[in-house]
């Protein structure tokens, strides 16, 4: 089995935190609503994450070239 990346592990931890908050509810309907609203919001905002062009100064410092 392939080991999850650090980014995947962080995502899993966030999902577990949401589930933990949902389990704090007194009824299943309320907990399910928390999870569903979180998923809907994430799906709405996923397009906001866009790659950025690296600054030439950063490239030179990181890789030793421009």
N, C-alpha and C. Protein backbone atom coordinates (compact mmCIF):
# COMPACT_ATOMS: atom_id res chain seq x y z
N UNK A 1 0.84 -1.18 0.00
CA UNK A 1 0.00 0.00 0.00
C UNK A 1 0.89 1.25 0.00
N UNK A 2 0.50 2.24 -0.78
CA UNK A 2 1.27 3.46 -0.92
C UNK A 2 1.09 4.35 0.31
N UNK A 3 2.21 4.89 0.80
CA UNK A 3 2.17 5.76 1.98
C UNK A 3 1.59 7.12 1.58
N UNK A 4 0.64 7.64 2.36
CA UNK A 4 0.06 8.95 2.01
C UNK A 4 1.10 10.07 2.17
N UNK A 5 0.95 11.10 1.35
CA UNK A 5 1.85 12.24 1.43
C UNK A 5 1.52 13.06 2.66
N UNK A 6 2.41 14.00 3.00
CA UNK A 6 2.14 14.88 4.15
C UNK A 6 0.89 15.70 3.91
N UNK A 7 0.68 16.14 2.67
CA UNK A 7 -0.53 16.91 2.37
C UNK A 7 -1.78 16.07 2.57
N UNK A 8 -1.72 14.81 2.12
CA UNK A 8 -2.86 13.92 2.32
C UNK A 8 -3.10 13.65 3.80
N UNK A 9 -2.04 13.46 4.54
CA UNK A 9 -2.18 13.22 5.98
C UNK A 9 -2.83 14.40 6.67
N UNK A 10 -2.44 15.62 6.27
CA UNK A 10 -3.04 16.82 6.87
C UNK A 10 -4.53 16.90 6.53
N UNK A 11 -4.86 16.61 5.28
CA UNK A 11 -6.27 16.60 4.87
C UNK A 11 -7.08 15.59 5.67
N UNK A 12 -6.50 14.42 5.89
CA UNK A 12 -7.18 13.38 6.67
C UNK A 12 -7.38 13.85 8.11
N UNK A 13 -6.38 14.53 8.66
CA UNK A 13 -6.51 15.05 10.03
C UNK A 13 -7.63 16.09 10.13
N UNK A 14 -7.72 16.97 9.12
CA UNK A 14 -8.81 17.96 9.11
C UNK A 14 -10.17 17.28 9.01
N UNK A 15 -10.26 16.26 8.15
CA UNK A 15 -11.52 15.54 8.01
C UNK A 15 -11.90 14.86 9.33
N UNK A 16 -10.91 14.28 9.99
CA UNK A 16 -11.17 13.64 11.28
C UNK A 16 -11.64 14.66 12.32
N UNK A 17 -11.09 15.89 12.26
CA UNK A 17 -11.52 16.94 13.18
C UNK A 17 -12.98 17.32 12.94
N UNK A 18 -13.37 17.41 11.67
CA UNK A 18 -14.77 17.73 11.34
C UNK A 18 -15.68 16.61 11.84
N UNK A 19 -15.26 15.37 11.63
CA UNK A 19 -16.06 14.24 12.10
C UNK A 19 -16.16 14.25 13.63
N UNK A 20 -15.07 14.61 14.29
CA UNK A 20 -15.10 14.70 15.74
C UNK A 20 -16.09 15.75 16.22
N UNK A 21 -16.11 16.89 15.53
CA UNK A 21 -17.08 17.94 15.88
C UNK A 21 -18.51 17.46 15.61
N UNK A 22 -18.68 16.74 14.53
CA UNK A 22 -20.02 16.24 14.20
C UNK A 22 -20.50 15.24 15.25
N UNK A 23 -19.59 14.44 15.78
CA UNK A 23 -19.97 13.46 16.80
C UNK A 23 -20.32 14.12 18.13
N UNK A 24 -19.96 15.37 18.32
CA UNK A 24 -20.30 16.08 19.56
C UNK A 24 -21.77 16.49 19.58
N UNK A 25 -22.40 16.44 18.44
CA UNK A 25 -23.83 16.79 18.38
C UNK A 25 -24.64 15.74 19.12
N UNK A 26 -25.81 16.15 19.59
CA UNK A 26 -26.66 15.21 20.32
C UNK A 26 -27.48 14.33 19.40
N UNK A 27 -27.59 14.73 18.13
CA UNK A 27 -28.36 13.88 17.21
C UNK A 27 -27.59 13.69 15.90
N UNK A 28 -27.88 12.60 15.25
CA UNK A 28 -27.16 12.26 14.01
C UNK A 28 -27.48 13.25 12.90
N UNK A 29 -28.70 13.75 12.85
CA UNK A 29 -29.09 14.69 11.79
C UNK A 29 -28.23 15.95 11.85
N UNK A 30 -28.01 16.46 13.05
CA UNK A 30 -27.18 17.65 13.20
C UNK A 30 -25.72 17.39 12.83
N UNK A 31 -25.20 16.26 13.22
CA UNK A 31 -23.82 15.91 12.87
C UNK A 31 -23.64 15.73 11.39
N UNK A 32 -24.62 15.09 10.76
CA UNK A 32 -24.56 14.89 9.31
C UNK A 32 -24.64 16.22 8.58
N UNK A 33 -25.42 17.14 9.09
CA UNK A 33 -25.53 18.47 8.48
C UNK A 33 -24.19 19.21 8.54
N UNK A 34 -23.46 19.06 9.63
CA UNK A 34 -22.13 19.69 9.76
C UNK A 34 -21.20 19.16 8.67
N UNK A 35 -21.16 17.85 8.52
CA UNK A 35 -20.27 17.23 7.54
C UNK A 35 -20.68 17.63 6.12
N UNK A 36 -21.96 17.58 5.81
CA UNK A 36 -22.43 17.91 4.47
C UNK A 36 -22.17 19.37 4.13
N UNK A 37 -22.36 20.28 5.08
CA UNK A 37 -22.12 21.70 4.81
C UNK A 37 -20.63 21.97 4.62
N UNK A 38 -19.79 21.25 5.35
CA UNK A 38 -18.35 21.40 5.19
C UNK A 38 -17.92 20.93 3.80
N UNK A 39 -18.42 19.79 3.37
CA UNK A 39 -18.10 19.27 2.04
C UNK A 39 -18.57 20.23 0.96
N UNK A 40 -19.78 20.75 1.09
CA UNK A 40 -20.32 21.68 0.09
C UNK A 40 -19.46 22.94 0.00
N UNK A 41 -19.06 23.47 1.13
CA UNK A 41 -18.25 24.69 1.15
C UNK A 41 -16.88 24.45 0.51
N UNK A 42 -16.27 23.32 0.82
CA UNK A 42 -14.98 22.99 0.23
C UNK A 42 -15.11 22.83 -1.29
N UNK A 43 -16.17 22.21 -1.75
CA UNK A 43 -16.38 22.06 -3.20
C UNK A 43 -16.59 23.41 -3.87
N UNK A 44 -17.25 24.33 -3.19
CA UNK A 44 -17.44 25.68 -3.75
C UNK A 44 -16.12 26.41 -3.90
N UNK A 45 -15.21 26.23 -2.94
CA UNK A 45 -13.99 27.03 -2.89
C UNK A 45 -12.76 26.37 -3.49
N UNK A 46 -12.85 25.13 -3.94
CA UNK A 46 -11.67 24.42 -4.43
C UNK A 46 -11.02 25.15 -5.61
N UNK A 47 -11.80 25.86 -6.39
CA UNK A 47 -11.28 26.61 -7.53
C UNK A 47 -10.39 27.78 -7.15
N UNK A 48 -10.44 28.20 -5.89
CA UNK A 48 -9.61 29.32 -5.44
C UNK A 48 -8.14 28.94 -5.33
N UNK A 49 -7.86 27.66 -5.27
CA UNK A 49 -6.47 27.21 -5.15
C UNK A 49 -5.88 27.11 -6.55
N UNK A 50 -4.99 28.04 -6.85
CA UNK A 50 -4.37 28.11 -8.16
C UNK A 50 -2.86 28.13 -8.01
N UNK A 51 -2.15 27.49 -8.93
CA UNK A 51 -0.69 27.55 -8.86
C UNK A 51 -0.19 28.97 -9.13
N UNK A 52 0.92 29.32 -8.51
CA UNK A 52 1.50 30.65 -8.69
C UNK A 52 2.86 30.50 -9.35
N UNK A 53 3.17 31.43 -10.21
CA UNK A 53 4.47 31.42 -10.87
C UNK A 53 5.54 31.79 -9.84
N UNK A 54 6.62 31.02 -9.83
CA UNK A 54 7.69 31.25 -8.86
C UNK A 54 8.46 32.53 -9.20
N UNK A 55 8.78 33.30 -8.18
CA UNK A 55 9.57 34.51 -8.33
C UNK A 55 11.00 34.12 -8.75
N UNK A 56 11.61 34.82 -9.71
CA UNK A 56 12.97 34.48 -10.13
C UNK A 56 13.98 34.47 -8.97
N UNK A 57 13.81 35.36 -8.00
CA UNK A 57 14.71 35.38 -6.83
C UNK A 57 14.58 34.09 -6.03
N UNK A 58 13.36 33.62 -5.90
CA UNK A 58 13.13 32.37 -5.18
C UNK A 58 13.79 31.20 -5.93
N UNK A 59 13.58 31.16 -7.23
CA UNK A 59 14.17 30.07 -8.04
C UNK A 59 15.68 30.05 -7.91
N UNK A 60 16.30 31.25 -7.97
CA UNK A 60 17.73 31.33 -7.87
C UNK A 60 18.22 30.86 -6.50
N UNK A 61 17.52 31.28 -5.44
CA UNK A 61 17.91 30.89 -4.09
C UNK A 61 17.68 29.40 -3.88
N UNK A 62 16.63 28.87 -4.42
CA UNK A 62 16.28 27.45 -4.22
C UNK A 62 17.12 26.51 -5.08
N UNK A 63 17.25 26.87 -6.36
CA UNK A 63 17.87 25.95 -7.31
C UNK A 63 19.23 26.42 -7.82
N UNK A 64 19.65 27.64 -7.49
CA UNK A 64 20.93 28.15 -7.92
C UNK A 64 20.96 28.60 -9.37
N UNK A 65 19.78 28.80 -9.93
CA UNK A 65 19.70 29.27 -11.32
C UNK A 65 18.43 30.08 -11.49
N UNK A 66 18.36 30.75 -12.61
CA UNK A 66 17.16 31.56 -12.88
C UNK A 66 16.21 30.81 -13.77
